[in-house]
């Protein structure tokens, strides 16, 4: 097996040293160089181009986001952001995701060396994921836990949801590549559209900034969901990082419940939890959409939605950054329709 060639770009000598030692211990990873800033990185890349770049955001001479945009416009290359996770820094990291980074590994300001050692498996998994990412889709636009099912949050539906009403809801689940995909879909929607509930796999403190960014560029209202928020036409609610979001119903109206709980399908928030709640509370009044992402979170929940009478959609392989979640949903026969990303806005409007 040809090892994945990795370039480390970080202004911290400690980070470069620790990451290089950790990654060199992996038989399928080869660190071909380290650089303290993007300008040094560009010099390194003239001699040998990496398969994956591990990139910090805040660096001297040129910041990581500027470098990332330059990279994606000239020679798209998979990038893993390894960034300090702070509330103030979250918008910058979201800019990096929007600019084409495959995924983010959050690092603290203190206890850095110990954290990097403990997060070695997560970083290595992210590098392997990035090496398999769909570069055409990148250019166009968590730590391992026990794998619970949605049963730990919500039991399966035992009866059909209430009959159809005039109020419909669209449930969307996505992961790797989802920040770019959601931006493309939501910015294409008019002010009047069905209410939307979204799970995007993200750490705590990121989702509020992500929602705020989308709110500023979309015609619809985009918010990080709060407990008991109403799901109404023209509004998209994004599940807060680190908490599950459930769709609930009161009469003919829908609202969300924000609930603490263990990871489901290794994620919190989990798409399976959202989709199961949509199957229970909305049934045929809902549409379920599974988009780009690694793993299988959402596949079982989408199957439950389809069984409950909802229309179900999956993003096609050609438009995905990672065709993991949609592929698994298709394999489980949970999907009515497979669509390219650009047709999702139309599907939402006709939900």
Protein backbone atom coordinates (compact mmCIF):
# COMPACT_ATOMS: atom_id res chain seq x y z
CA UNK A 1 0.00 0.00 0.00
CA UNK A 2 1.32 3.41 -0.96
CA UNK A 3 1.42 5.59 2.18
CA UNK A 4 -0.52 8.84 2.37
CA UNK A 5 1.94 11.71 1.95
CA UNK A 6 1.22 14.39 4.58
CA UNK A 7 2.52 17.95 4.98
CA UNK A 8 2.19 19.58 8.42
CA UNK A 9 1.75 23.38 8.47
CA UNK A 10 1.67 24.93 11.95
CA UNK A 11 3.57 27.79 13.54
CA UNK A 12 4.02 25.82 16.79
CA UNK A 13 7.23 23.82 16.91
CA UNK A 14 5.68 21.62 19.62
CA UNK A 15 2.69 20.78 17.42
CA UNK A 16 4.89 20.01 14.42
CA UNK A 17 7.19 17.78 16.48
CA UNK A 18 4.43 15.86 18.27
CA UNK A 19 2.31 15.36 15.16
CA UNK A 20 5.26 14.23 13.11
CA UNK A 21 6.20 11.62 15.71
CA UNK A 22 2.62 10.37 16.05
CA UNK A 23 1.93 10.15 12.32
CA UNK A 24 5.24 8.50 11.48
CA UNK A 25 4.17 5.61 13.71
CA UNK A 26 1.29 4.87 11.31
CA UNK A 27 2.30 2.41 8.55
CA UNK A 28 0.00 4.02 5.95
CA UNK A 29 1.06 7.64 6.63
CA UNK A 30 4.29 9.37 5.59
CA UNK A 31 5.10 12.89 6.76
CA UNK A 32 6.96 14.36 3.79
CA UNK A 33 7.61 17.72 5.43
CA UNK A 34 6.74 20.34 8.03
CA UNK A 35 6.40 24.10 7.66
CA UNK A 36 5.91 26.95 10.12
CA UNK A 37 3.70 28.98 7.77
CA UNK A 38 2.06 28.74 4.32
CA UNK A 39 4.93 30.47 2.49
CA UNK A 40 7.40 27.86 3.71
CA UNK A 41 4.79 25.22 2.84
CA UNK A 42 4.57 26.42 -0.75
CA UNK A 43 8.34 26.12 -1.09
CA UNK A 44 8.19 22.56 0.27
CA UNK A 45 5.39 21.63 -2.13
CA UNK A 46 7.45 22.60 -5.16
CA UNK A 47 9.68 19.60 -4.47
CA UNK A 48 6.93 17.09 -3.57
CA UNK A 49 3.18 17.54 -3.52
CA UNK A 50 1.35 16.06 -0.53
CA UNK A 51 -1.78 13.90 -0.63
CA UNK A 52 -3.13 15.66 2.49
CA UNK A 53 -2.21 18.89 4.29
CA UNK A 54 -2.75 19.30 8.04
CA UNK A 55 -3.19 23.05 8.47
CA UNK A 56 -3.42 25.51 11.34
CA UNK A 57 -5.52 28.66 10.87
CA UNK A 58 -3.67 31.42 12.73
CA UNK A 59 -0.09 31.73 11.45
CA UNK A 60 2.41 34.48 10.62
CA UNK A 61 2.94 35.96 7.14
CA UNK A 62 -0.17 34.27 5.68
CA UNK A 63 -3.17 32.91 7.58
CA UNK A 64 -4.44 29.41 6.94
CA UNK A 65 -7.74 30.46 5.35
CA UNK A 66 -6.02 32.64 2.75
CA UNK A 67 -3.63 29.79 1.97
CA UNK A 68 -6.54 27.36 1.72
CA UNK A 69 -8.44 29.55 -0.76
CA UNK A 70 -5.29 29.95 -2.85
CA UNK A 71 -4.70 26.20 -2.78
CA UNK A 72 -8.25 25.32 -3.81
CA UNK A 73 -8.26 27.79 -6.70
CA UNK A 74 -4.89 26.67 -8.08
CA UNK A 75 -4.46 22.99 -7.21
CA UNK A 76 -7.20 21.47 -5.01
CA UNK A 77 -5.70 19.29 -2.28
CA UNK A 78 -7.39 17.64 0.72
CA UNK A 79 -6.89 19.73 3.87
CA UNK A 80 -7.50 18.83 7.52
CA UNK A 81 -7.78 21.89 9.76
CA UNK A 82 -6.13 21.44 13.17
CA UNK A 83 -7.27 24.57 14.99
CA UNK A 84 -7.69 25.92 18.51
CA UNK A 85 -11.34 25.56 19.49
CA UNK A 86 -12.60 28.77 21.06
CA UNK A 87 -15.89 30.56 20.67
CA UNK A 88 -14.13 33.56 19.19
CA UNK A 89 -12.16 31.43 16.78
CA UNK A 90 -15.09 29.36 15.54
CA UNK A 91 -16.10 31.74 12.71
CA UNK A 92 -12.56 31.63 11.31
CA UNK A 93 -12.59 27.87 11.34
CA UNK A 94 -15.98 27.90 9.64
CA UNK A 95 -14.50 30.10 6.95
CA UNK A 96 -11.91 27.38 6.41
CA UNK A 97 -14.61 24.73 6.07
CA UNK A 98 -16.48 26.93 3.60
CA UNK A 99 -13.24 27.46 1.66
CA UNK A 100 -12.87 23.71 1.12
CA UNK A 101 -11.30 22.03 4.16
CA UNK A 102 -12.44 18.42 4.45
CA UNK A 103 -12.77 18.35 8.25
CA UNK A 104 -11.66 19.96 11.50
CA UNK A 105 -9.73 18.63 14.48
CA UNK A 106 -10.15 20.98 17.43
CA UNK A 107 -7.16 21.55 19.70
CA UNK A 108 -7.07 23.35 23.08
CA UNK A 109 -4.78 26.21 24.08
CA UNK A 110 -3.54 24.39 27.18
CA UNK A 111 -2.51 20.78 27.64
CA UNK A 112 -1.71 20.72 23.94
CA UNK A 113 0.94 18.00 23.90
CA UNK A 114 -1.19 15.59 25.93
CA UNK A 115 -4.23 16.36 23.79
CA UNK A 116 -2.41 15.68 20.54
CA UNK A 117 -1.20 12.35 21.86
CA UNK A 118 -4.70 11.37 22.95
CA UNK A 119 -6.24 12.56 19.68
CA UNK A 120 -3.80 10.68 17.45
CA UNK A 121 -6.44 8.14 16.36
CA UNK A 122 -8.90 10.91 15.49
CA UNK A 123 -6.34 12.83 13.47
CA UNK A 124 -5.16 9.72 11.64
CA UNK A 125 -8.76 8.82 10.77
CA UNK A 126 -9.31 12.37 9.50
CA UNK A 127 -6.21 12.14 7.29
CA UNK A 128 -7.37 8.82 5.84
CA UNK A 129 -10.80 10.32 5.21
CA UNK A 130 -9.30 13.39 3.54
CA UNK A 131 -7.13 11.23 1.28
CA UNK A 132 -10.32 9.61 -0.08
CA UNK A 133 -12.30 12.85 -0.46
CA UNK A 134 -13.81 13.87 -3.79
CA UNK A 135 -11.50 16.66 -4.91
CA UNK A 136 -13.88 17.90 -7.58
CA UNK A 137 -16.49 18.62 -4.95
CA UNK A 138 -13.94 20.25 -2.64
CA UNK A 139 -12.82 22.53 -5.44
CA UNK A 140 -16.42 23.39 -6.34
CA UNK A 141 -17.36 24.86 -3.53
CA UNK A 142 -14.87 12.33 16.21
CA UNK A 143 -13.01 10.57 18.68
CA UNK A 144 -14.07 6.87 18.76
CA UNK A 145 -16.96 6.10 21.08
CA UNK A 146 -19.30 3.20 21.66
CA UNK A 147 -21.73 2.97 18.78
CA UNK A 148 -25.23 3.40 20.21
CA UNK A 149 -28.42 3.25 18.20
CA UNK A 150 -31.17 5.87 18.39
CA UNK A 151 -32.88 3.67 21.01
CA UNK A 152 -30.80 5.35 23.74
CA UNK A 153 -32.54 8.66 22.98
CA UNK A 154 -35.92 7.75 21.51
CA UNK A 155 -37.82 4.47 21.07
CA UNK A 156 -39.01 3.47 17.58
CA UNK A 157 -42.46 4.56 16.44
CA UNK A 158 -45.14 1.98 17.22
CA UNK A 159 -47.92 3.64 15.27
CA UNK A 160 -48.38 5.88 12.25
CA UNK A 161 -47.89 9.60 12.76
CA UNK A 162 -50.97 11.80 12.59
CA UNK A 163 -52.63 12.29 9.22
CA UNK A 164 -51.27 14.82 6.76
CA UNK A 165 -51.54 18.51 7.53
CA UNK A 166 -50.79 21.60 5.49
CA UNK A 167 -47.57 22.12 7.49
CA UNK A 168 -44.65 20.06 6.24
CA UNK A 169 -41.09 19.75 7.49
CA UNK A 170 -37.79 18.78 5.85
CA UNK A 171 -35.16 16.93 7.90
CA UNK A 172 -31.57 17.04 6.60
CA UNK A 173 -28.55 15.08 7.82
CA UNK A 174 -24.96 15.58 6.70
CA UNK A 175 -21.35 15.37 7.86
CA UNK A 176 -18.03 15.73 6.01
CA UNK A 177 -18.45 18.25 3.20
CA UNK A 178 -21.80 19.28 4.62
CA UNK A 179 -20.89 22.86 5.47
CA UNK A 180 -20.29 23.62 1.79
CA UNK A 181 -23.27 21.52 0.66
CA UNK A 182 -25.68 23.20 3.07
CA UNK A 183 -24.49 26.64 2.03
CA UNK A 184 -25.18 25.83 -1.61
CA UNK A 185 -28.65 24.43 -0.87
CA UNK A 186 -29.87 26.97 1.69
CA UNK A 187 -28.67 30.05 -0.22
CA UNK A 188 -30.72 28.87 -3.21
CA UNK A 189 -34.00 28.81 -1.26
CA UNK A 190 -36.55 31.65 -1.41
CA UNK A 191 -37.96 33.27 1.72
CA UNK A 192 -41.02 31.01 1.59
CA UNK A 193 -40.16 27.33 1.92
CA UNK A 194 -41.02 24.44 4.24
CA UNK A 195 -39.58 24.47 7.75
CA UNK A 196 -36.21 22.72 7.89
CA UNK A 197 -34.38 20.89 10.69
CA UNK A 198 -30.71 20.02 10.19
CA UNK A 199 -28.08 17.86 11.83
CA UNK A 200 -24.58 18.74 10.66
CA UNK A 201 -21.88 16.85 12.54
CA UNK A 202 -19.97 19.59 14.35
CA UNK A 203 -18.33 20.08 17.75
CA UNK A 204 -19.89 22.32 20.43
CA UNK A 205 -19.28 26.07 19.94
CA UNK A 206 -19.13 25.72 16.15
CA UNK A 207 -22.81 25.43 15.27
CA UNK A 208 -23.84 28.87 16.53
CA UNK A 209 -21.22 30.57 14.37
CA UNK A 210 -22.08 28.32 11.43
CA UNK A 211 -25.78 29.17 11.70
CA UNK A 212 -25.01 32.89 12.05
CA UNK A 213 -22.87 32.80 8.95
CA UNK A 214 -25.61 31.10 6.92
CA UNK A 215 -28.22 33.50 8.29
CA UNK A 216 -26.17 36.38 6.91
CA UNK A 217 -26.05 35.01 3.34
CA UNK A 218 -29.45 33.26 3.02
CA UNK A 219 -32.91 34.66 2.34
CA UNK A 220 -34.39 32.23 4.86
CA UNK A 221 -33.95 32.51 8.62
CA UNK A 222 -31.15 30.18 9.81
CA UNK A 223 -30.62 29.67 13.54
CA UNK A 224 -28.86 27.33 15.94
CA UNK A 225 -31.80 25.48 17.48
CA UNK A 226 -32.88 26.19 21.05
CA UNK A 227 -35.12 23.98 23.15
CA UNK A 228 -38.79 24.32 22.08
CA UNK A 229 -38.05 26.48 19.02
CA UNK A 230 -40.91 26.35 16.51
CA UNK A 231 -40.32 24.81 13.09
CA UNK A 232 -42.01 27.22 10.71
CA UNK A 233 -41.90 27.96 6.97
CA UNK A 234 -38.89 29.98 5.93
CA UNK A 235 -36.77 28.88 8.90
CA UNK A 236 -33.93 26.36 9.17
CA UNK A 237 -32.87 25.12 12.63
CA UNK A 238 -29.41 23.58 13.04
CA UNK A 239 -28.84 21.15 15.92
CA UNK A 240 -26.38 22.53 18.48
CA UNK A 241 -23.07 20.67 18.65
CA UNK A 242 -22.86 18.16 21.49
CA UNK A 243 -26.66 17.77 21.88
CA UNK A 244 -29.33 15.77 20.11
CA UNK A 245 -32.24 17.46 18.34
CA UNK A 246 -35.66 15.84 18.07
CA UNK A 247 -38.65 16.93 16.03
CA UNK A 248 -41.85 17.05 18.10
CA UNK A 249 -45.45 17.87 17.29
CA UNK A 250 -48.19 19.76 19.11
CA UNK A 251 -51.45 19.66 17.19
CA UNK A 252 -50.64 20.77 13.65
CA UNK A 253 -47.44 22.55 14.68
CA UNK A 254 -43.86 21.30 14.95
CA UNK A 255 -41.12 22.27 17.36
CA UNK A 256 -37.71 20.91 18.36
CA UNK A 257 -36.57 19.36 21.60
CA UNK A 258 -32.88 19.71 22.49
CA UNK A 259 -31.75 16.79 24.60
CA UNK A 260 -28.54 15.68 26.30
CA UNK A 261 -27.49 12.10 25.68
CA UNK A 262 -24.72 9.74 24.60
CA UNK A 263 -23.47 9.68 21.01
CA UNK A 264 -25.68 7.73 18.60
CA UNK A 265 -24.02 6.13 15.61
CA UNK A 266 -20.89 7.70 17.18
CA UNK A 267 -22.26 11.23 16.82
CA UNK A 268 -23.91 13.88 18.98
CA UNK A 269 -25.95 15.39 17.44
CA UNK A 270 -27.02 12.31 15.50
CA UNK A 271 -28.89 12.21 12.21
CA UNK A 272 -30.49 8.90 13.22
CA UNK A 273 -32.07 10.57 16.25
CA UNK A 274 -33.45 13.46 14.19
CA UNK A 275 -34.79 11.16 11.46
CA UNK A 276 -36.41 8.76 13.92
CA UNK A 277 -38.15 11.67 15.66
CA UNK A 278 -39.36 12.93 12.26
CA UNK A 279 -40.74 9.47 11.48
CA UNK A 280 -42.61 9.44 14.80
CA UNK A 281 -43.87 13.02 14.81
CA UNK A 282 -44.37 13.88 11.14
CA UNK A 283 -44.56 10.64 9.14
CA UNK A 284 -45.93 11.46 5.66
CA UNK A 285 -45.79 15.19 6.44
CA UNK A 286 -41.98 15.04 6.30
CA UNK A 287 -39.19 14.68 3.78
CA UNK A 288 -35.83 13.22 4.78
CA UNK A 289 -32.59 14.14 3.02
CA UNK A 290 -29.20 12.54 3.61
CA UNK A 291 -26.18 14.28 2.19
CA UNK A 292 -22.40 14.03 1.98
CA UNK A 293 -20.64 12.45 4.96
CA UNK A 294 -18.54 9.60 6.27
CA UNK A 295 -20.06 6.61 8.07
CA UNK A 296 -23.65 5.43 8.34
CA UNK A 297 -25.35 7.88 10.71
CA UNK A 298 -28.82 8.60 9.36
CA UNK A 299 -29.28 5.51 7.19
CA UNK A 300 -31.46 3.64 9.70
CA UNK A 301 -33.40 6.75 10.62
CA UNK A 302 -34.08 7.52 6.96
CA UNK A 303 -35.37 3.97 6.51
CA UNK A 304 -37.78 4.59 9.41
CA UNK A 305 -38.92 7.82 7.78
CA UNK A 306 -39.60 6.03 4.50
CA UNK A 307 -41.54 3.30 6.30
CA UNK A 308 -43.60 6.02 8.02
CA UNK A 309 -44.59 7.49 4.64
CA UNK A 310 -42.06 10.29 4.29
CA UNK A 311 -40.35 11.06 1.00
CA UNK A 312 -36.64 10.33 1.20
CA UNK A 313 -33.70 11.64 -0.80
CA UNK A 314 -29.96 10.95 -1.00
CA UNK A 315 -27.20 13.01 -2.56
CA UNK A 316 -25.55 11.28 -5.51
CA UNK A 317 -21.95 10.11 -5.43
CA UNK A 318 -20.67 12.56 -8.04
CA UNK A 319 -21.68 15.62 -5.98
CA UNK A 320 -20.59 14.27 -2.56
CA UNK A 321 -17.27 15.06 -0.92
CA UNK A 322 -17.61 11.70 0.85
CA UNK A 323 -20.22 9.20 -0.36
CA UNK A 324 -20.52 7.31 2.93
CA UNK A 325 -23.82 8.23 4.57
CA UNK A 326 -25.85 8.39 1.32
CA UNK A 327 -24.32 5.14 0.08
CA UNK A 328 -25.30 3.31 3.27
CA UNK A 329 -28.85 4.71 3.12
CA UNK A 330 -29.17 3.58 -0.50
CA UNK A 331 -27.83 0.14 0.43
CA UNK A 332 -30.47 -0.16 3.16
CA UNK A 333 -33.23 0.74 0.67
CA UNK A 334 -34.06 3.87 2.68
CA UNK A 335 -34.06 6.19 -0.33
CA UNK A 336 -36.83 7.04 -2.80
CA UNK A 337 -34.83 9.42 -4.97
CA UNK A 338 -31.11 10.03 -5.61
CA UNK A 339 -30.29 13.60 -6.66
CA UNK A 340 -27.27 15.76 -7.44
CA UNK A 341 -26.72 18.53 -4.91
CA UNK A 342 -27.99 21.28 -7.20
CA UNK A 343 -31.47 19.69 -7.28
CA UNK A 344 -31.96 19.64 -3.51
CA UNK A 345 -33.44 23.17 -3.31
CA UNK A 346 -36.15 22.16 -5.77
CA UNK A 347 -36.85 18.98 -3.81
CA UNK A 348 -37.21 21.01 -0.60
CA UNK A 349 -39.66 23.39 -2.20
CA UNK A 350 -41.82 20.49 -3.38
CA UNK A 351 -41.64 18.58 -0.08
